C-alpha atoms as a PDB file:
ATOM      1  CA  MET A   1     192.047 -23.221 162.512  1.00  0.00           C
ATOM      2  CA  MET A   2     191.493 -19.561 161.616  1.00  0.00           C
ATOM      3  CA  ASN A   3     192.336 -17.281 164.547  1.00  0.00           C
ATOM      4  CA  TRP A   4     190.073 -14.461 165.684  1.00  0.00           C
ATOM      5  CA  LYS A   5     192.227 -11.710 164.140  1.00  0.00           C
ATOM      6  CA  MET A   6     191.997 -13.345 160.747  1.00  0.00           C
ATOM      7  CA  HIS A   7     188.235 -13.760 161.170  1.00  0.00           C
ATOM      8  CA  ILE A   8     187.833 -10.032 161.861  1.00  0.00           C
ATOM      9  CA  LYS A   9     190.041  -9.221 158.882  1.00  0.00           C
ATOM     10  CA  LEU A  10     187.933 -11.381 156.582  1.00  0.00           C
ATOM     11  CA  ARG A  11     184.717  -9.775 157.758  1.00  0.00           C
ATOM     12  CA  LYS A  12     186.202  -6.320 157.292  1.00  0.00           C
ATOM     13  CA  ASN A  13     187.220  -7.153 153.735  1.00  0.00           C
ATOM     14  CA  SER A  14     183.967  -8.880 152.747  1.00  0.00           C
ATOM     15  CA  THR A  15     183.077  -5.935 150.534  1.00  0.00           C
ATOM     16  CA  LEU A  16     186.315  -6.315 148.605  1.00  0.00           C
ATOM     17  CA  VAL A  17     185.719 -10.048 148.207  1.00  0.00           C
ATOM     18  CA  PHE A  18     182.255  -9.304 146.838  1.00  0.00           C
ATOM     19  CA  ILE A  19     183.676  -6.750 144.399  1.00  0.00           C
ATOM     20  CA  ILE A  20     186.259  -9.225 143.100  1.00  0.00           C
ATOM     21  CA  LEU A  21     183.720 -12.012 142.665  1.00  0.00           C
ATOM     22  CA  LEU A  22     181.285  -9.653 140.967  1.00  0.00           C
ATOM     23  CA  SER A  23     183.943  -8.471 138.560  1.00  0.00           C
ATOM     24  CA  LEU A  24     184.918 -12.060 137.722  1.00  0.00           C
ATOM     25  CA  LEU A  25     181.290 -12.934 137.013  1.00  0.00           C
ATOM     26  CA  ILE A  26     180.441  -9.896 134.933  1.00  0.00           C
ATOM     27  CA  SER A  27     183.564  -8.539 133.267  1.00  0.00           C
ATOM     28  CA  CYS A  28     183.975 -11.280 130.646  1.00  0.00           C
ATOM     29  CA  SER A  29     180.459 -10.837 129.290  1.00  0.00           C
ATOM     30  CA  THR A  30     180.431  -7.044 129.276  1.00  0.00           C
ATOM     31  CA  LYS A  31     183.894  -5.894 128.216  1.00  0.00           C
ATOM     32  CA  ASP A  32     183.079  -6.182 124.515  1.00  0.00           C
ATOM     33  CA  GLU A  33     179.614  -4.659 124.818  1.00  0.00           C
ATOM     34  CA  GLU A  34     180.376  -1.354 126.490  1.00  0.00           C
ATOM     35  CA  ASN A  35     183.343   0.843 127.220  1.00  0.00           C
ATOM     36  CA  TYR A  36     185.067   0.108 130.487  1.00  0.00           C
ATOM     37  CA  VAL A  37     185.903   2.714 133.132  1.00  0.00           C
ATOM     38  CA  VAL A  38     188.937   0.946 134.584  1.00  0.00           C
ATOM     39  CA  LYS A  39     191.041  -2.020 133.534  1.00  0.00           C
ATOM     40  CA  VAL A  40     193.409  -3.900 135.841  1.00  0.00           C
ATOM     41  CA  GLY A  41     195.133  -6.858 134.238  1.00  0.00           C
ATOM     42  CA  GLU A  42     192.368  -8.730 132.430  1.00  0.00           C
ATOM     43  CA  SER A  43     189.582  -7.410 134.670  1.00  0.00           C
ATOM     44  CA  TYR A  44     187.248  -4.634 133.543  1.00  0.00           C
ATOM     45  CA  LEU A  45     185.072  -2.283 135.552  1.00  0.00           C
ATOM     46  CA  THR A  46     182.169  -0.808 133.571  1.00  0.00           C
ATOM     47  CA  GLU A  47     179.703   1.934 134.395  1.00  0.00           C
ATOM     48  CA  SER A  48     176.863  -0.576 134.803  1.00  0.00           C
ATOM     49  CA  MET A  49     178.981  -2.654 137.185  1.00  0.00           C
ATOM     50  CA  ILE A  50     179.651   0.421 139.322  1.00  0.00           C
ATOM     51  CA  LYS A  51     175.948   1.254 139.566  1.00  0.00           C
ATOM     52  CA  GLU A  52     174.977  -2.362 140.251  1.00  0.00           C
ATOM     53  CA  SER A  53     177.673  -2.824 142.876  1.00  0.00           C
ATOM     54  CA  LEU A  54     176.864   0.373 144.752  1.00  0.00           C
ATOM     55  CA  SER A  55     173.184  -0.543 144.711  1.00  0.00           C
ATOM     56  CA  SER A  56     173.798  -4.148 145.826  1.00  0.00           C
ATOM     57  CA  LEU A  57     176.093  -3.111 148.643  1.00  0.00           C
ATOM     58  CA  GLY A  58     173.768  -0.379 149.882  1.00  0.00           C
ATOM     59  CA  ASP A  59     176.504   2.224 149.493  1.00  0.00           C
ATOM     60  CA  SER A  60     174.400   4.839 147.732  1.00  0.00           C
ATOM     61  CA  ASN A  61     176.161   7.600 149.688  1.00  0.00           C
ATOM     62  CA  LYS A  62     179.643   6.378 148.904  1.00  0.00           C
ATOM     63  CA  PHE A  63     181.564   8.511 146.452  1.00  0.00           C
ATOM     64  CA  ARG A  64     181.952   6.917 143.039  1.00  0.00           C
ATOM     65  CA  GLU A  65     185.694   7.651 143.062  1.00  0.00           C
ATOM     66  CA  GLU A  66     186.091   5.857 146.390  1.00  0.00           C
ATOM     67  CA  PHE A  67     184.397   2.763 145.025  1.00  0.00           C
ATOM     68  CA  ILE A  68     186.615   2.790 141.926  1.00  0.00           C
ATOM     69  CA  ARG A  69     189.718   3.174 144.077  1.00  0.00           C
ATOM     70  CA  GLU A  70     188.705   0.220 146.254  1.00  0.00           C
ATOM     71  CA  TRP A  71     188.027  -1.875 143.154  1.00  0.00           C
ATOM     72  CA  ILE A  72     191.455  -1.069 141.723  1.00  0.00           C
ATOM     73  CA  GLU A  73     193.179  -1.879 145.024  1.00  0.00           C
ATOM     74  CA  ALA A  74     191.263  -5.145 145.310  1.00  0.00           C
ATOM     75  CA  GLU A  75     192.260  -6.167 141.779  1.00  0.00           C
ATOM     76  CA  LEU A  76     195.895  -5.245 142.361  1.00  0.00           C
ATOM     77  CA  ILE A  77     195.964  -7.352 145.528  1.00  0.00           C
ATOM     78  CA  TYR A  78     194.306 -10.192 143.602  1.00  0.00           C
ATOM     79  CA  LEU A  79     196.939  -9.991 140.860  1.00  0.00           C
ATOM     80  CA  ASP A  80     199.657 -10.256 143.467  1.00  0.00           C
ATOM     81  CA  ALA A  81     197.847 -13.161 145.108  1.00  0.00           C
ATOM     82  CA  LEU A  82     197.843 -14.964 141.749  1.00  0.00           C
ATOM     83  CA  LYS A  83     201.554 -14.302 141.362  1.00  0.00           C
ATOM     84  CA  ASN A  84     202.682 -15.332 144.851  1.00  0.00           C
ATOM     85  CA  GLY A  85     200.614 -18.523 144.976  1.00  0.00           C
ATOM     86  CA  THR A  86     198.040 -17.422 147.553  1.00  0.00           C
ATOM     87  CA  VAL A  87     195.188 -18.724 145.396  1.00  0.00           C
ATOM     88  CA  ASP A  88     196.760 -22.176 145.343  1.00  0.00           C
ATOM     89  CA  SER A  89     196.676 -22.537 149.117  1.00  0.00           C
ATOM     90  CA  GLU A  90     194.214 -24.868 150.848  1.00  0.00           C
ATOM     91  CA  GLU A  91     192.950 -21.985 152.965  1.00  0.00           C
ATOM     92  CA  TYR A  92     192.066 -19.930 149.869  1.00  0.00           C
ATOM     93  CA  GLN A  93     190.269 -22.825 148.219  1.00  0.00           C
ATOM     94  CA  ARG A  94     188.299 -23.521 151.400  1.00  0.00           C
ATOM     95  CA  LEU A  95     187.260 -19.876 151.806  1.00  0.00           C
ATOM     96  CA  LEU A  96     186.429 -19.548 148.110  1.00  0.00           C
ATOM     97  CA  ALA A  97     184.185 -22.607 148.257  1.00  0.00           C
ATOM     98  CA  LYS A  98     182.406 -21.152 151.287  1.00  0.00           C
ATOM     99  CA  VAL A  99     181.878 -17.765 149.618  1.00  0.00           C
ATOM    100  CA  LYS A 100     180.535 -19.425 146.460  1.00  0.00           C
ATOM    101  CA  VAL A 101     177.991 -21.366 148.529  1.00  0.00           C
ATOM    102  CA  GLU A 102     176.938 -18.219 150.406  1.00  0.00           C
ATOM    103  CA  ILE A 103     176.463 -16.209 147.194  1.00  0.00           C
ATOM    104  CA  ALA A 104     174.543 -19.038 145.522  1.00  0.00           C
ATOM    105  CA  ASN A 105     172.313 -19.368 148.591  1.00  0.00           C
ATOM    106  CA  ALA A 106     171.615 -15.639 148.684  1.00  0.00           C
ATOM    107  CA  LEU A 107     170.702 -15.553 144.995  1.00  0.00           C
ATOM    108  CA  ALA A 108     168.513 -18.660 145.287  1.00  0.00           C
ATOM    109  CA  ILE A 109     166.582 -17.183 148.212  1.00  0.00           C
ATOM    110  CA  LYS A 110     166.289 -13.850 146.394  1.00  0.00           C
ATOM    111  CA  LYS A 111     164.781 -15.664 143.394  1.00  0.00           C
ATOM    112  CA  ILE A 112     162.246 -17.483 145.569  1.00  0.00           C
ATOM    113  CA  LEU A 113     161.142 -14.210 147.183  1.00  0.00           C
ATOM    114  CA  THR A 114     161.019 -12.423 143.830  1.00  0.00           C
ATOM    115  CA  ASP A 115     159.063 -15.176 142.088  1.00  0.00           C
ATOM    116  CA  ASN A 116     156.522 -15.323 144.928  1.00  0.00           C
ATOM    117  CA  SER A 117     155.383 -11.747 145.407  1.00  0.00           C
ATOM    118  CA  ILE A 118     153.665 -10.971 148.698  1.00  0.00           C
ATOM    119  CA  ASP A 119     150.288  -9.358 148.204  1.00  0.00           C
ATOM    120  CA  ILE A 120     149.724  -6.789 150.929  1.00  0.00           C
ATOM    121  CA  VAL A 121     146.182  -5.421 151.048  1.00  0.00           C
ATOM    122  CA  ASN A 122     144.365  -3.649 153.834  1.00  0.00           C
ATOM    123  CA  LYS A 123     142.034  -6.551 154.596  1.00  0.00           C
ATOM    124  CA  LYS A 124     144.920  -8.953 155.168  1.00  0.00           C
ATOM    125  CA  LEU A 125     146.716  -6.413 157.324  1.00  0.00           C
ATOM    126  CA  GLU A 126     143.594  -5.769 159.374  1.00  0.00           C
ATOM    127  CA  ASN A 127     143.101  -9.503 159.938  1.00  0.00           C
ATOM    128  CA  TYR A 128     146.730  -9.872 160.951  1.00  0.00           C
ATOM    129  CA  TYR A 129     146.371  -6.923 163.337  1.00  0.00           C
ATOM    130  CA  VAL A 130     143.245  -8.363 164.978  1.00  0.00           C
ATOM    131  CA  ASN A 131     144.598 -11.920 165.232  1.00  0.00           C
ATOM    132  CA  ASN A 132     147.939 -10.804 166.665  1.00  0.00           C
ATOM    133  CA  ILE A 133     146.804  -7.874 168.764  1.00  0.00           C
ATOM    134  CA  SER A 134     149.176  -8.689 171.629  1.00  0.00           C
ATOM    135  CA  GLU A 135     152.183  -8.094 169.360  1.00  0.00           C
ATOM    136  CA  PHE A 136     151.270  -4.438 169.057  1.00  0.00           C
ATOM    137  CA  LYS A 137     150.972  -3.566 172.739  1.00  0.00           C
ATOM    138  CA  VAL A 138     153.233  -0.667 173.611  1.00  0.00           C
ATOM    139  CA  ALA A 139     156.132  -1.542 175.884  1.00  0.00           C
ATOM    140  CA  SER A 140     156.150   1.841 177.623  1.00  0.00           C
ATOM    141  CA  PRO A 141     154.180   5.115 177.473  1.00  0.00           C
ATOM    142  CA  ARG A 142     153.899   6.404 173.918  1.00  0.00           C
ATOM    143  CA  LEU A 143     152.541   9.699 172.602  1.00  0.00           C
ATOM    144  CA  VAL A 144     150.995  10.957 169.386  1.00  0.00           C
ATOM    145  CA  TYR A 145     151.339  14.703 168.953  1.00  0.00           C
ATOM    146  CA  ASN A 146     151.797  17.748 166.752  1.00  0.00           C
ATOM    147  CA  GLN A 147     154.666  20.151 167.288  1.00  0.00           C
ATOM    148  CA  VAL A 148     155.551  23.481 165.729  1.00  0.00           C
ATOM    149  CA  THR A 149     158.773  25.379 166.382  1.00  0.00           C
ATOM    150  CA  PHE A 150     159.693  29.032 165.820  1.00  0.00           C
ATOM    151  CA  THR A 151     162.781  31.159 166.385  1.00  0.00           C
ATOM    152  CA  ASN A 152     160.697  34.055 167.719  1.00  0.00           C
ATOM    153  CA  ARG A 153     158.571  33.810 170.868  1.00  0.00           C
ATOM    154  CA  LYS A 154     156.132  36.534 169.775  1.00  0.00           C
ATOM    155  CA  VAL A 155     155.430  34.766 166.473  1.00  0.00           C
ATOM    156  CA  ALA A 156     154.981  31.495 168.363  1.00  0.00           C
ATOM    157  CA  ASN A 157     152.412  33.157 170.635  1.00  0.00           C
ATOM    158  CA  ASN A 158     150.566  34.503 167.587  1.00  0.00           C
ATOM    159  CA  PHE A 159     150.434  31.011 166.123  1.00  0.00           C
ATOM    160  CA  ARG A 160     149.017  29.613 169.355  1.00  0.00           C
ATOM    161  CA  ASN A 161     146.305  32.281 169.403  1.00  0.00           C
ATOM    162  CA  VAL A 162     145.251  31.355 165.869  1.00  0.00           C
ATOM    163  CA  VAL A 163     145.126  27.675 166.842  1.00  0.00           C
ATOM    164  CA  VAL A 164     142.876  28.479 169.805  1.00  0.00           C
ATOM    165  CA  ASP A 165     140.511  30.545 167.631  1.00  0.00           C
ATOM    166  CA  GLN A 166     140.573  28.643 164.338  1.00  0.00           C
ATOM    167  CA  GLY A 167     142.178  25.230 164.905  1.00  0.00           C
ATOM    168  CA  TRP A 168     145.579  23.693 164.178  1.00  0.00           C
ATOM    169  CA  ASN A 169     145.178  23.163 160.409  1.00  0.00           C
ATOM    170  CA  ASN A 170     143.950  26.703 159.782  1.00  0.00           C
ATOM    171  CA  ALA A 171     146.866  28.135 161.744  1.00  0.00           C
ATOM    172  CA  VAL A 172     149.371  26.068 159.760  1.00  0.00           C
ATOM    173  CA  ASN A 173     147.818  27.104 156.440  1.00  0.00           C
ATOM    174  CA  GLN A 174     147.694  30.773 157.406  1.00  0.00           C
ATOM    175  CA  PHE A 175     151.315  30.981 158.539  1.00  0.00           C
ATOM    176  CA  SER A 176     152.494  28.981 155.527  1.00  0.00           C
ATOM    177  CA  HIS A 177     150.725  31.319 153.091  1.00  0.00           C
ATOM    178  CA  GLU A 178     152.213  34.324 154.865  1.00  0.00           C
ATOM    179  CA  GLY A 179     155.700  32.911 154.361  1.00  0.00           C
ATOM    180  CA  ILE A 180     156.506  32.742 158.057  1.00  0.00           C
ATOM    181  CA  ASP A 181     159.446  30.457 158.770  1.00  0.00           C
ATOM    182  CA  PHE A 182     158.716  27.542 161.118  1.00  0.00           C
ATOM    183  CA  SER A 183     159.287  23.804 161.398  1.00  0.00           C
ATOM    184  CA  ILE A 184     156.491  21.354 162.036  1.00  0.00           C
ATOM    185  CA  VAL A 185     155.854  17.673 162.725  1.00  0.00           C
ATOM    186  CA  GLU A 186     152.346  16.263 162.746  1.00  0.00           C
ATOM    187  CA  ASN A 187     150.941  13.001 164.094  1.00  0.00           C
ATOM    188  CA  LYS A 188     154.361  12.105 165.406  1.00  0.00           C
ATOM    189  CA  ILE A 189     154.506   8.857 167.363  1.00  0.00           C
ATOM    190  CA  GLU A 190     157.219   8.628 169.989  1.00  0.00           C
ATOM    191  CA  TYR A 191     158.019   6.818 173.212  1.00  0.00           C
ATOM    192  CA  VAL A 192     158.421   9.137 176.189  1.00  0.00           C
ATOM    193  CA  TYR A 193     161.816   7.654 177.070  1.00  0.00           C
ATOM    194  CA  ASN A 194     163.117   8.695 173.635  1.00  0.00           C
ATOM    195  CA  MET A 195     162.522  12.364 174.320  1.00  0.00           C
ATOM    196  CA  LEU A 196     165.883  13.843 175.221  1.00  0.00           C
ATOM    197  CA  ASN A 197     164.606  17.382 175.699  1.00  0.00           C
ATOM    198  CA  GLU A 198     163.548  17.762 179.337  1.00  0.00           C
ATOM    199  CA  ASN A 199     161.288  20.751 178.686  1.00  0.00           C
ATOM    200  CA  LEU A 200     159.424  18.770 176.050  1.00  0.00           C
ATOM    201  CA  ARG A 201     158.839  15.831 178.403  1.00  0.00           C
ATOM    202  CA  LYS A 202     157.563  18.124 181.146  1.00  0.00           C
ATOM    203  CA  GLN A 203     155.005  19.690 178.819  1.00  0.00           C
ATOM    204  CA  PHE A 204     153.435  16.337 177.985  1.00  0.00           C
ATOM    205  CA  PHE A 205     152.894  15.462 181.630  1.00  0.00           C
ATOM    206  CA  ARG A 206     150.780  18.622 181.968  1.00  0.00           C
ATOM    207  CA  LEU A 207     148.568  18.018 178.918  1.00  0.00           C
ATOM    208  CA  SER A 208     145.355  16.097 178.406  1.00  0.00           C
ATOM    209  CA  LYS A 209     144.166  14.632 175.112  1.00  0.00           C
ATOM    210  CA  ASN A 210     143.843  17.284 172.355  1.00  0.00           C
ATOM    211  CA  GLU A 211     145.130  19.982 174.714  1.00  0.00           C
ATOM    212  CA  LEU A 212     147.493  22.669 173.446  1.00  0.00           C
ATOM    213  CA  SER A 213     150.619  23.634 175.395  1.00  0.00           C
ATOM    214  CA  ARG A 214     151.779  27.143 176.079  1.00  0.00           C
ATOM    215  CA  VAL A 215     154.814  28.423 174.202  1.00  0.00           C
ATOM    216  CA  PHE A 216     157.982  27.027 175.773  1.00  0.00           C
ATOM    217  CA  ALA A 217     161.695  27.109 174.972  1.00  0.00           C
ATOM    218  CA  THR A 218     163.305  23.911 173.728  1.00  0.00           C
ATOM    219  CA  SER A 219     166.703  25.590 173.378  1.00  0.00           C
ATOM    220  CA  LYS A 220     168.155  29.073 173.114  1.00  0.00           C
ATOM    221  CA  ASN A 221     166.065  31.136 170.670  1.00  0.00           C
ATOM    222  CA  THR A 222     163.870  28.140 169.815  1.00  0.00           C
ATOM    223  CA  PHE A 223     160.234  28.156 170.932  1.00  0.00           C
ATOM    224  CA  ALA A 224     157.734  25.371 170.519  1.00  0.00           C
ATOM    225  CA  ILE A 225     154.051  24.558 170.892  1.00  0.00           C
ATOM    226  CA  ILE A 226     152.761  21.004 171.122  1.00  0.00           C
ATOM    227  CA  GLN A 227     149.305  19.519 170.824  1.00  0.00           C
ATOM    228  CA  LEU A 228     148.836  16.152 172.476  1.00  0.00           C
ATOM    229  CA  LEU A 229     146.618  13.973 170.293  1.00  0.00           C
ATOM    230  CA  LYS A 230     146.796  10.650 172.139  1.00  0.00           C
ATOM    231  CA  ARG A 231     148.591   9.050 175.038  1.00  0.00           C
ATOM    232  CA  TYR A 232     149.179   5.303 175.230  1.00  0.00           C
ATOM    233  CA  ASN A 233     150.195   3.680 178.486  1.00  0.00           C
ATOM    234  CA  LYS A 234     152.082   0.428 178.794  1.00  0.00           C
ATOM    235  CA  ASN A 235     150.166  -2.535 177.235  1.00  0.00           C
ATOM    236  CA  ASP A 236     147.737  -0.257 175.383  1.00  0.00           C
ATOM    237  CA  VAL A 237     147.263  -1.061 171.693  1.00  0.00           C
ATOM    238  CA  PRO A 238     147.434   1.802 169.167  1.00  0.00           C
ATOM    239  CA  GLU A 239     144.760   2.025 166.490  1.00  0.00           C
ATOM    240  CA  PHE A 240     145.321   0.263 163.173  1.00  0.00           C
ATOM    241  CA  GLU A 241     145.853   3.372 161.030  1.00  0.00           C
ATOM    242  CA  GLU A 242     148.413   4.810 163.449  1.00  0.00           C
ATOM    243  CA  ILE A 243     150.729   1.815 163.218  1.00  0.00           C
ATOM    244  CA  LYS A 244     149.841   0.559 159.749  1.00  0.00           C
ATOM    245  CA  GLY A 245     153.478   0.822 158.675  1.00  0.00           C
ATOM    246  CA  GLU A 246     154.621  -1.303 161.616  1.00  0.00           C
ATOM    247  CA  ILE A 247     151.876  -3.858 160.925  1.00  0.00           C
ATOM    248  CA  GLU A 248     152.897  -4.056 157.282  1.00  0.00           C
ATOM    249  CA  GLN A 249     156.528  -4.683 158.196  1.00  0.00           C
ATOM    250  CA  LYS A 250     155.635  -7.482 160.612  1.00  0.00           C
ATOM    251  CA  TYR A 251     153.235  -9.058 158.113  1.00  0.00           C
ATOM    252  CA  PHE A 252     155.779  -8.846 155.311  1.00  0.00           C
ATOM    253  CA  SER A 253     158.493 -10.413 157.483  1.00  0.00           C
ATOM    254  CA  LEU A 254     156.124 -13.221 158.475  1.00  0.00           C
ATOM    255  CA  LYS A 255     155.247 -14.015 154.866  1.00  0.00           C
ATOM    256  CA  ARG A 256     158.889 -13.949 153.817  1.00  0.00           C
ATOM    257  CA  LYS A 257     159.701 -16.379 156.626  1.00  0.00           C
ATOM    258  CA  GLU A 258     156.858 -18.647 155.526  1.00  0.00           C
ATOM    259  CA  LEU A 259     158.171 -18.649 151.955  1.00  0.00           C
ATOM    260  CA  TYR A 260     161.651 -19.471 153.204  1.00  0.00           C
ATOM    261  CA  ASN A 261     160.425 -22.311 155.439  1.00  0.00           C
ATOM    262  CA  ASN A 262     158.316 -23.784 152.636  1.00  0.00           C
ATOM    263  CA  TYR A 263     161.331 -23.592 150.344  1.00  0.00           C
ATOM    264  CA  LEU A 264     163.424 -25.503 152.894  1.00  0.00           C
ATOM    265  CA  LYS A 265     160.724 -28.187 153.279  1.00  0.00           C
ATOM    266  CA  GLU A 266     160.741 -28.634 149.524  1.00  0.00           C
ATOM    267  CA  LEU A 267     164.525 -29.018 149.519  1.00  0.00           C
ATOM    268  CA  TYR A 268     164.447 -31.620 152.286  1.00  0.00           C
ATOM    269  CA  SER A 269     162.099 -33.754 150.221  1.00  0.00           C
ATOM    270  CA  LYS A 270     163.840 -33.033 146.922  1.00  0.00           C
ATOM    271  CA  TYR A 271     167.438 -33.885 147.825  1.00  0.00           C
ATOM    272  CA  SER A 272     168.963 -36.687 149.868  1.00  0.00           C
ATOM    273  CA  PHE A 273     171.437 -36.080 152.650  1.00  0.00           C
ATOM    274  CA  GLU A 274     173.155 -38.084 155.362  1.00  0.00           C
ATOM    275  CA  ILE A 275     174.137 -37.202 158.899  1.00  0.00           C
ATOM    276  CA  VAL A 276     176.913 -39.270 160.451  1.00  0.00           C
ATOM    277  CA  ARG A 277     176.859 -39.210 164.240  1.00  0.00           C
END
C-alpha cells in the first residue's frame, strides 16, 4: 500500500504528470506541423502546447521560462524512468491506469457541460431567487456603502461639502474632472466582521441609511468618507440586483449538477455493472 509520504509526493507532482501526459498526447501530431520550442529525446514542446498547458493548469501568472524548465525536467526524469525500468513496475502501471481514467472522466464531463450550454436569463434567475429565498439570507450583518479616500484632510473635507450640497455623483464627477487624486469604491457589499480597520467599523455604527460620515483617518495620512446605503441584519435578504452575481453562480452550479446527475443516470442505464459483496 502507498504510504502517506508517497501520496503527498504524487499530489505535489500532479502538474508534472499532467505535462508529461499532455506532451505524449500532442507531440506526435504537432511536431511536423509547427516548429518546436524544446525537444527532449523524442518529445517536443511547441508554442501552442505551452499556451494550452498554461491555460489548462490555470497558471496564467507563471513565467513561460519556468514552465519550459519544468517540462524539460519532467521529460528528463521520464527518460531516466524508461531507462531504469520504473515504467515496467506494477505500481507505475496501476497509477498510470488511474490517471488515464481520471483524465478521460474529466474530458467526458467537460464535453457534456460544453454540449449542453446553460441559458442564464434574468427571468430564470429571478424565479430561482424567489423560490430559494432562504438561501440568500445573510449570515451576519452586512453593509452596502460608498467610500472615498484622500491623502489630504482638507481636500477630503472639500469633497464632503460638495456631497452635502450637490450629491455624491456630482462630487465624484467634479473632483475627477479637476484631476484631484483619490480612490473610490461604490456600492460595495461587505460583512461587518470582514472589516479589519477599527475606525471604519466604528463609523458604520454611527450612521443611518444614506447618511454621510465625517472625514476620518483610516491610517496615517489617509482620510476617508463613507456613505451608508443599506444595512442588512442577520437573516435579512438583500435585493435581487444587489446579489445578482451570487444568484447567477448558485443557479449555474445547480444546473451543472443537474447535467452531471442526468449524465450519471444515463450511464447507469446504458452500461452493465456488478457489485460483489
